[in-house]
Amino acid sequence: MKTKVKAKRTKAKSTKAKKTKARFKEKEIEPKRRKDGRLTKAERTKLAILQSAEVVFAEQGYERTTLDAIGEPVNVLGTAVLYHFKSKEFLYQATLRFTNKALSMAVSEDIDQSASLEEMITKIAIDLIRHCAERPYGVMLFMREAATVTPGTNTVIGPMVGKTLQNLFDAVEAQTPSRKTSRKIDPVLIFSMLMGVISFYFTGFPNIMGKKLPYDPLDPERLKELEDSLVGIIKHMMNTG
């Protein structure tokens, strides 16, 4: 009898886990457009809400963020936000997809097996820096999420980062035999180093340091120094046997 009860409980937990996973499963839905190619008014409003949510969630974190705080900068009532996103939790998941898709694309577009390994990784580093300079709140949200680990970490960030890493693995493996040095290049080490240095430069640790840094990360001279430093580190990594 006890075995049957235990089996039912295990099955119930498994069913609940599957429902939770399905609830957060990413859905790639093409935005609705007018005949002339422009986004519909509803889609423009959704985009504005996502852009605002990226900033507010990055600054305040999930728990402290309110729908009113997200809607106010784009002249949308908090209750009206729910017309486009059925809940705050659903909006947060959509915001993570919106943020991390752009980040993943910034890397994926540079993964080119026809280029040399050093050229490819250097281009990834420079484009990551420029992407983060354009969307600093996006990288702040990425860092906050990576530090706190919510369901979005496994359902949104995990798959995107995993796919990017796999593409990088494939590109590195394809070029390794032609390298002069026998030293194996680890894509995880490369990606972790780039994301670690760049993310910390732009945000510090949002959960610890807050949103104010003791320097301006968007200062052109500092950005140039960051680019030059990473290019030098990559060159050293590629040419050290």
C-alpha atoms as a PDB file:
ATOM      1  CA  MET A   1       0.000   0.000   0.000  1.00  0.00           C
ATOM      2  CA  LYS A   2       2.807   2.395   0.973  1.00  0.00           C
ATOM      3  CA  THR A   3       4.599   1.594  -2.286  1.00  0.00           C
ATOM      4  CA  LYS A   4       1.500   2.544  -4.317  1.00  0.00           C
ATOM      5  CA  VAL A   5       1.083   5.838  -2.421  1.00  0.00           C
ATOM      6  CA  LYS A   6       4.764   6.658  -2.937  1.00  0.00           C
ATOM      7  CA  ALA A   7       4.479   5.864  -6.649  1.00  0.00           C
ATOM      8  CA  LYS A   8       1.452   8.175  -6.975  1.00  0.00           C
ATOM      9  CA  ARG A   9       3.316  11.008  -5.232  1.00  0.00           C
ATOM     10  CA  THR A  10       6.352  10.534  -7.472  1.00  0.00           C
ATOM     11  CA  LYS A  11       4.117  10.576 -10.562  1.00  0.00           C
ATOM     12  CA  ALA A  12       2.353  13.720  -9.318  1.00  0.00           C
ATOM     13  CA  LYS A  13       5.696  15.495  -8.782  1.00  0.00           C
ATOM     14  CA  SER A  14       6.857  14.446 -12.245  1.00  0.00           C
ATOM     15  CA  THR A  15       3.635  15.738 -13.825  1.00  0.00           C
ATOM     16  CA  LYS A  16       3.953  19.041 -11.949  1.00  0.00           C
ATOM     17  CA  ALA A  17       7.574  19.434 -13.087  1.00  0.00           C
ATOM     18  CA  LYS A  18       6.583  18.804 -16.711  1.00  0.00           C
ATOM     19  CA  LYS A  19       3.791  21.387 -16.491  1.00  0.00           C
ATOM     20  CA  THR A  20       6.193  23.956 -15.007  1.00  0.00           C
ATOM     21  CA  LYS A  21       8.721  23.288 -17.761  1.00  0.00           C
ATOM     22  CA  ALA A  22       6.035  23.564 -20.438  1.00  0.00           C
ATOM     23  CA  ARG A  23       4.785  26.816 -18.925  1.00  0.00           C
ATOM     24  CA  PHE A  24       8.192  28.414 -19.388  1.00  0.00           C
ATOM     25  CA  LYS A  25       9.029  26.796 -22.723  1.00  0.00           C
ATOM     26  CA  GLU A  26      10.246  29.366 -25.209  1.00  0.00           C
ATOM     27  CA  LYS A  27       7.913  30.083 -28.088  1.00  0.00           C
ATOM     28  CA  GLU A  28       9.332  31.777 -31.142  1.00  0.00           C
ATOM     29  CA  ILE A  29       6.359  33.733 -32.463  1.00  0.00           C
ATOM     30  CA  GLU A  30       6.898  36.101 -35.365  1.00  0.00           C
ATOM     31  CA  PRO A  31       5.658  39.613 -34.453  1.00  0.00           C
ATOM     32  CA  LYS A  32       2.530  40.692 -36.301  1.00  0.00           C
ATOM     33  CA  ARG A  33       3.194  43.251 -39.022  1.00  0.00           C
ATOM     34  CA  ARG A  34       1.151  45.502 -41.277  1.00  0.00           C
ATOM     35  CA  LYS A  35       1.132  45.055 -45.047  1.00  0.00           C
ATOM     36  CA  ASP A  36       3.891  47.655 -45.377  1.00  0.00           C
ATOM     37  CA  GLY A  37       6.138  45.594 -43.067  1.00  0.00           C
ATOM     38  CA  ARG A  38       5.821  47.816 -40.006  1.00  0.00           C
ATOM     39  CA  LEU A  39       4.934  46.343 -36.632  1.00  0.00           C
ATOM     40  CA  THR A  40       1.306  46.635 -35.590  1.00  0.00           C
ATOM     41  CA  LYS A  41       0.452  49.065 -32.795  1.00  0.00           C
ATOM     42  CA  ALA A  42       0.069  46.170 -30.340  1.00  0.00           C
ATOM     43  CA  GLU A  43       3.492  44.758 -31.284  1.00  0.00           C
ATOM     44  CA  ARG A  44       5.109  48.190 -30.918  1.00  0.00           C
ATOM     45  CA  THR A  45       3.599  48.450 -27.452  1.00  0.00           C
ATOM     46  CA  LYS A  46       4.876  44.973 -26.529  1.00  0.00           C
ATOM     47  CA  LEU A  47       8.362  45.908 -27.728  1.00  0.00           C
ATOM     48  CA  ALA A  48       8.288  49.133 -25.691  1.00  0.00           C
ATOM     49  CA  ILE A  49       7.199  47.178 -22.599  1.00  0.00           C
ATOM     50  CA  LEU A  50      10.031  44.655 -23.084  1.00  0.00           C
ATOM     51  CA  GLN A  51      12.592  47.440 -23.472  1.00  0.00           C
ATOM     52  CA  SER A  52      11.334  49.088 -20.290  1.00  0.00           C
ATOM     53  CA  ALA A  53      11.189  45.745 -18.455  1.00  0.00           C
ATOM     54  CA  GLU A  54      14.824  45.042 -19.339  1.00  0.00           C
ATOM     55  CA  VAL A  55      15.868  48.239 -17.550  1.00  0.00           C
ATOM     56  CA  VAL A  56      13.574  47.927 -14.522  1.00  0.00           C
ATOM     57  CA  PHE A  57      14.199  44.216 -13.877  1.00  0.00           C
ATOM     58  CA  ALA A  58      17.950  44.836 -14.234  1.00  0.00           C
ATOM     59  CA  GLU A  59      17.902  47.688 -11.724  1.00  0.00           C
ATOM     60  CA  GLN A  60      15.358  46.382  -9.219  1.00  0.00           C
ATOM     61  CA  GLY A  61      15.401  42.603  -9.556  1.00  0.00           C
ATOM     62  CA  TYR A  62      12.308  40.453 -10.018  1.00  0.00           C
ATOM     63  CA  GLU A  63      10.818  40.693  -6.518  1.00  0.00           C
ATOM     64  CA  ARG A  64      11.042  44.488  -6.172  1.00  0.00           C
ATOM     65  CA  THR A  65       9.782  45.262  -9.675  1.00  0.00           C
ATOM     66  CA  THR A  66       6.150  46.285 -10.154  1.00  0.00           C
ATOM     67  CA  LEU A  67       4.139  46.349 -13.358  1.00  0.00           C
ATOM     68  CA  ASP A  68       3.457  50.056 -12.788  1.00  0.00           C
ATOM     69  CA  ALA A  69       7.212  50.735 -12.706  1.00  0.00           C
ATOM     70  CA  ILE A  70       7.600  48.945 -16.048  1.00  0.00           C
ATOM     71  CA  GLY A  71       4.614  50.613 -17.692  1.00  0.00           C
ATOM     72  CA  GLU A  72       5.234  54.187 -16.524  1.00  0.00           C
ATOM     73  CA  PRO A  73       8.245  55.003 -18.812  1.00  0.00           C
ATOM     74  CA  VAL A  74       6.254  53.919 -21.885  1.00  0.00           C
ATOM     75  CA  ASN A  75       2.915  55.450 -20.807  1.00  0.00           C
ATOM     76  CA  VAL A  76       1.220  52.114 -20.172  1.00  0.00           C
ATOM     77  CA  LEU A  77      -0.748  51.385 -17.001  1.00  0.00           C
ATOM     78  CA  GLY A  78       0.438  48.428 -14.953  1.00  0.00           C
ATOM     79  CA  THR A  79      -2.907  46.716 -15.455  1.00  0.00           C
ATOM     80  CA  ALA A  80      -2.622  47.277 -19.223  1.00  0.00           C
ATOM     81  CA  VAL A  81       0.738  45.465 -19.246  1.00  0.00           C
ATOM     82  CA  LEU A  82      -1.245  42.321 -18.416  1.00  0.00           C
ATOM     83  CA  TYR A  83      -3.144  42.706 -21.682  1.00  0.00           C
ATOM     84  CA  HIS A  84       0.099  41.942 -23.538  1.00  0.00           C
ATOM     85  CA  PHE A  85       1.740  39.615 -20.982  1.00  0.00           C
ATOM     86  CA  LYS A  86      -0.560  37.465 -18.863  1.00  0.00           C
ATOM     87  CA  SER A  87       1.467  37.807 -15.648  1.00  0.00           C
ATOM     88  CA  LYS A  88       4.562  39.432 -14.189  1.00  0.00           C
ATOM     89  CA  GLU A  89       6.256  36.032 -14.221  1.00  0.00           C
ATOM     90  CA  PHE A  90       5.432  35.546 -17.904  1.00  0.00           C
ATOM     91  CA  LEU A  91       6.728  39.053 -18.689  1.00  0.00           C
ATOM     92  CA  TYR A  92       9.978  38.282 -16.879  1.00  0.00           C
ATOM     93  CA  GLN A  93      10.497  35.145 -18.968  1.00  0.00           C
ATOM     94  CA  ALA A  94       9.755  37.110 -22.150  1.00  0.00           C
ATOM     95  CA  THR A  95      12.226  39.807 -21.070  1.00  0.00           C
ATOM     96  CA  LEU A  96      14.960  37.235 -20.479  1.00  0.00           C
ATOM     97  CA  ARG A  97      14.365  35.825 -23.975  1.00  0.00           C
ATOM     98  CA  PHE A  98      14.369  39.343 -25.450  1.00  0.00           C
ATOM     99  CA  THR A  99      17.634  40.203 -23.681  1.00  0.00           C
ATOM    100  CA  ASN A 100      19.556  36.974 -24.117  1.00  0.00           C
ATOM    101  CA  LYS A 101      18.533  36.352 -27.714  1.00  0.00           C
ATOM    102  CA  ALA A 102      20.244  39.611 -28.681  1.00  0.00           C
ATOM    103  CA  LEU A 103      23.305  38.660 -26.622  1.00  0.00           C
ATOM    104  CA  SER A 104      23.507  35.192 -28.190  1.00  0.00           C
ATOM    105  CA  MET A 105      23.120  36.623 -31.689  1.00  0.00           C
ATOM    106  CA  ALA A 106      25.995  39.042 -31.052  1.00  0.00           C
ATOM    107  CA  VAL A 107      28.230  36.003 -30.473  1.00  0.00           C
ATOM    108  CA  SER A 108      26.732  33.534 -32.956  1.00  0.00           C
ATOM    109  CA  GLU A 109      27.121  35.853 -35.944  1.00  0.00           C
ATOM    110  CA  ASP A 110      30.898  35.888 -35.367  1.00  0.00           C
ATOM    111  CA  ILE A 111      31.350  32.112 -35.187  1.00  0.00           C
ATOM    112  CA  ASP A 112      32.945  31.555 -38.565  1.00  0.00           C
ATOM    113  CA  GLN A 113      35.025  28.456 -39.267  1.00  0.00           C
ATOM    114  CA  SER A 114      36.565  30.080 -42.347  1.00  0.00           C
ATOM    115  CA  ALA A 115      38.337  32.695 -40.191  1.00  0.00           C
ATOM    116  CA  SER A 116      41.375  31.913 -38.066  1.00  0.00           C
ATOM    117  CA  LEU A 117      40.671  31.030 -34.444  1.00  0.00           C
ATOM    118  CA  GLU A 118      42.351  34.197 -33.187  1.00  0.00           C
ATOM    119  CA  GLU A 119      40.397  36.373 -35.629  1.00  0.00           C
ATOM    120  CA  MET A 120      37.102  34.718 -34.705  1.00  0.00           C
ATOM    121  CA  ILE A 121      37.537  35.032 -30.938  1.00  0.00           C
ATOM    122  CA  THR A 122      38.834  38.596 -31.236  1.00  0.00           C
ATOM    123  CA  LYS A 123      35.766  39.566 -33.274  1.00  0.00           C
ATOM    124  CA  ILE A 124      33.477  37.904 -30.706  1.00  0.00           C
ATOM    125  CA  ALA A 125      35.149  39.875 -27.902  1.00  0.00           C
ATOM    126  CA  ILE A 126      34.910  43.231 -29.687  1.00  0.00           C
ATOM    127  CA  ASP A 127      31.293  42.691 -30.761  1.00  0.00           C
ATOM    128  CA  LEU A 128      30.348  41.600 -27.233  1.00  0.00           C
ATOM    129  CA  ILE A 129      31.824  44.811 -25.845  1.00  0.00           C
ATOM    130  CA  ARG A 130      29.959  46.923 -28.396  1.00  0.00           C
ATOM    131  CA  HIS A 131      26.704  45.050 -27.824  1.00  0.00           C
ATOM    132  CA  CYS A 132      26.965  45.545 -24.058  1.00  0.00           C
ATOM    133  CA  ALA A 133      27.770  49.230 -24.559  1.00  0.00           C
ATOM    134  CA  GLU A 134      24.550  49.577 -26.573  1.00  0.00           C
ATOM    135  CA  ARG A 135      22.475  47.571 -24.066  1.00  0.00           C
ATOM    136  CA  PRO A 136      24.172  47.799 -20.652  1.00  0.00           C
ATOM    137  CA  TYR A 137      20.941  46.947 -18.833  1.00  0.00           C
ATOM    138  CA  GLY A 138      20.737  43.728 -20.814  1.00  0.00           C
ATOM    139  CA  VAL A 139      24.076  42.515 -19.495  1.00  0.00           C
ATOM    140  CA  MET A 140      23.132  43.723 -15.999  1.00  0.00           C
ATOM    141  CA  LEU A 141      19.987  41.580 -16.145  1.00  0.00           C
ATOM    142  CA  PHE A 142      22.054  38.640 -17.426  1.00  0.00           C
ATOM    143  CA  MET A 143      24.446  38.971 -14.468  1.00  0.00           C
ATOM    144  CA  ARG A 144      21.634  39.382 -11.945  1.00  0.00           C
ATOM    145  CA  GLU A 145      19.848  36.307 -13.281  1.00  0.00           C
ATOM    146  CA  ALA A 146      23.038  34.238 -13.399  1.00  0.00           C
ATOM    147  CA  ALA A 147      23.735  35.132  -9.755  1.00  0.00           C
ATOM    148  CA  THR A 148      20.245  34.487  -8.368  1.00  0.00           C
ATOM    149  CA  VAL A 149      19.275  31.445 -10.486  1.00  0.00           C
ATOM    150  CA  THR A 150      15.515  31.549 -11.105  1.00  0.00           C
ATOM    151  CA  PRO A 151      13.505  29.188 -13.348  1.00  0.00           C
ATOM    152  CA  GLY A 152      14.549  31.456 -16.216  1.00  0.00           C
ATOM    153  CA  THR A 153      18.169  30.395 -15.797  1.00  0.00           C
ATOM    154  CA  ASN A 154      17.381  26.838 -16.883  1.00  0.00           C
ATOM    155  CA  THR A 155      14.545  27.527 -19.316  1.00  0.00           C
ATOM    156  CA  VAL A 156      15.837  30.630 -21.114  1.00  0.00           C
ATOM    157  CA  ILE A 157      19.492  31.424 -20.427  1.00  0.00           C
ATOM    158  CA  GLY A 158      20.688  27.811 -20.228  1.00  0.00           C
ATOM    159  CA  PRO A 159      19.503  26.680 -23.681  1.00  0.00           C
ATOM    160  CA  MET A 160      20.696  29.882 -25.383  1.00  0.00           C
ATOM    161  CA  VAL A 161      24.158  29.838 -23.811  1.00  0.00           C
ATOM    162  CA  GLY A 162      24.378  26.077 -24.369  1.00  0.00           C
ATOM    163  CA  LYS A 163      23.639  26.415 -28.080  1.00  0.00           C
ATOM    164  CA  THR A 164      26.176  29.229 -28.456  1.00  0.00           C
ATOM    165  CA  LEU A 165      28.824  27.190 -26.644  1.00  0.00           C
ATOM    166  CA  GLN A 166      28.150  24.158 -28.838  1.00  0.00           C
ATOM    167  CA  ASN A 167      28.623  26.265 -31.976  1.00  0.00           C
ATOM    168  CA  LEU A 168      31.861  27.615 -30.517  1.00  0.00           C
ATOM    169  CA  PHE A 169      32.984  24.057 -29.657  1.00  0.00           C
ATOM    170  CA  ASP A 170      32.376  22.967 -33.256  1.00  0.00           C
ATOM    171  CA  ALA A 171      34.284  25.935 -34.675  1.00  0.00           C
ATOM    172  CA  VAL A 172      37.253  25.371 -32.351  1.00  0.00           C
ATOM    173  CA  GLU A 173      37.359  21.627 -33.039  1.00  0.00           C
ATOM    174  CA  ALA A 174      37.273  22.263 -36.791  1.00  0.00           C
ATOM    175  CA  GLN A 175      40.355  24.464 -36.571  1.00  0.00           C
ATOM    176  CA  THR A 176      42.390  22.721 -33.871  1.00  0.00           C
ATOM    177  CA  PRO A 177      44.145  20.236 -36.245  1.00  0.00           C
ATOM    178  CA  SER A 178      45.556  23.091 -38.329  1.00  0.00           C
ATOM    179  CA  ARG A 179      46.998  24.968 -35.344  1.00  0.00           C
ATOM    180  CA  LYS A 180      50.787  25.057 -35.010  1.00  0.00           C
ATOM    181  CA  THR A 181      50.664  24.528 -31.262  1.00  0.00           C
ATOM    182  CA  SER A 182      49.491  21.296 -29.701  1.00  0.00           C
ATOM    183  CA  ARG A 183      47.850  23.195 -26.837  1.00  0.00           C
ATOM    184  CA  LYS A 184      44.108  22.518 -26.779  1.00  0.00           C
ATOM    185  CA  ILE A 185      41.869  25.583 -26.675  1.00  0.00           C
ATOM    186  CA  ASP A 186      38.878  25.169 -24.370  1.00  0.00           C
ATOM    187  CA  PRO A 187      35.760  27.018 -25.670  1.00  0.00           C
ATOM    188  CA  VAL A 188      34.212  27.057 -22.179  1.00  0.00           C
ATOM    189  CA  LEU A 189      37.314  28.780 -20.801  1.00  0.00           C
ATOM    190  CA  ILE A 190      37.302  31.281 -23.664  1.00  0.00           C
ATOM    191  CA  PHE A 191      33.590  32.118 -23.382  1.00  0.00           C
ATOM    192  CA  SER A 192      33.721  32.278 -19.572  1.00  0.00           C
ATOM    193  CA  MET A 193      36.713  34.607 -19.673  1.00  0.00           C
ATOM    194  CA  LEU A 194      35.110  36.923 -22.215  1.00  0.00           C
ATOM    195  CA  MET A 195      31.698  37.028 -20.519  1.00  0.00           C
ATOM    196  CA  GLY A 196      33.256  37.330 -17.060  1.00  0.00           C
ATOM    197  CA  VAL A 197      35.540  40.249 -17.902  1.00  0.00           C
ATOM    198  CA  ILE A 198      33.036  42.111 -20.084  1.00  0.00           C
ATOM    199  CA  SER A 199      30.017  41.576 -17.819  1.00  0.00           C
ATOM    200  CA  PHE A 200      31.878  42.605 -14.684  1.00  0.00           C
ATOM    201  CA  TYR A 201      33.273  45.680 -16.438  1.00  0.00           C
ATOM    202  CA  PHE A 202      29.783  46.899 -17.382  1.00  0.00           C
ATOM    203  CA  THR A 203      27.864  45.935 -14.254  1.00  0.00           C
ATOM    204  CA  GLY A 204      30.016  44.735 -11.379  1.00  0.00           C
ATOM    205  CA  PHE A 205      27.757  42.444  -9.363  1.00  0.00           C
ATOM    206  CA  PRO A 206      24.301  44.144  -9.390  1.00  0.00           C
ATOM    207  CA  ASN A 207      23.104  42.171  -6.362  1.00  0.00           C
ATOM    208  CA  ILE A 208      26.100  43.306  -4.304  1.00  0.00           C
ATOM    209  CA  MET A 209      27.223  46.660  -5.678  1.00  0.00           C
ATOM    210  CA  GLY A 210      23.882  48.052  -6.814  1.00  0.00           C
ATOM    211  CA  LYS A 211      23.518  49.917 -10.082  1.00  0.00           C
ATOM    212  CA  LYS A 212      26.172  52.586  -9.456  1.00  0.00           C
ATOM    213  CA  LEU A 213      29.769  51.899 -10.469  1.00  0.00           C
ATOM    214  CA  PRO A 214      32.738  54.043  -9.369  1.00  0.00           C
ATOM    215  CA  TYR A 215      33.503  54.737 -13.054  1.00  0.00           C
ATOM    216  CA  ASP A 216      31.659  55.344 -16.321  1.00  0.00           C
ATOM    217  CA  PRO A 217      31.699  52.059 -18.295  1.00  0.00           C
ATOM    218  CA  LEU A 218      30.553  53.889 -21.441  1.00  0.00           C
ATOM    219  CA  ASP A 219      33.514  56.284 -21.463  1.00  0.00           C
ATOM    220  CA  PRO A 220      35.059  55.905 -24.976  1.00  0.00           C
ATOM    221  CA  GLU A 221      38.637  55.815 -23.672  1.00  0.00           C
ATOM    222  CA  ARG A 222      37.804  53.105 -21.138  1.00  0.00           C
ATOM    223  CA  LEU A 223      35.991  51.068 -23.795  1.00  0.00           C
ATOM    224  CA  LYS A 224      39.042  51.298 -26.069  1.00  0.00           C
ATOM    225  CA  GLU A 225      41.278  50.171 -23.189  1.00  0.00           C
ATOM    226  CA  LEU A 226      38.956  47.213 -22.559  1.00  0.00           C
ATOM    227  CA  GLU A 227      39.052  46.205 -26.236  1.00  0.00           C
ATOM    228  CA  ASP A 228      42.850  46.503 -26.409  1.00  0.00           C
ATOM    229  CA  SER A 229      43.304  44.527 -23.179  1.00  0.00           C
ATOM    230  CA  LEU A 230      41.097  41.652 -24.322  1.00  0.00           C
ATOM    231  CA  VAL A 231      42.715  41.547 -27.757  1.00  0.00           C
ATOM    232  CA  GLY A 232      46.101  41.266 -26.032  1.00  0.00           C
ATOM    233  CA  ILE A 233      44.882  38.473 -23.733  1.00  0.00           C
ATOM    234  CA  ILE A 234      43.397  36.544 -26.668  1.00  0.00           C
ATOM    235  CA  LYS A 235      46.610  36.915 -28.677  1.00  0.00           C
ATOM    236  CA  HIS A 236      48.586  35.567 -25.713  1.00  0.00           C
ATOM    237  CA  MET A 237      46.195  32.608 -25.295  1.00  0.00           C
ATOM    238  CA  MET A 238      46.357  31.721 -28.978  1.00  0.00           C
ATOM    239  CA  ASN A 239      50.130  31.864 -29.214  1.00  0.00           C
ATOM    240  CA  THR A 240      51.165  30.201 -25.971  1.00  0.00           C
ATOM    241  CA  GLY A 241      52.124  26.591 -26.512  1.00  0.00           C
END
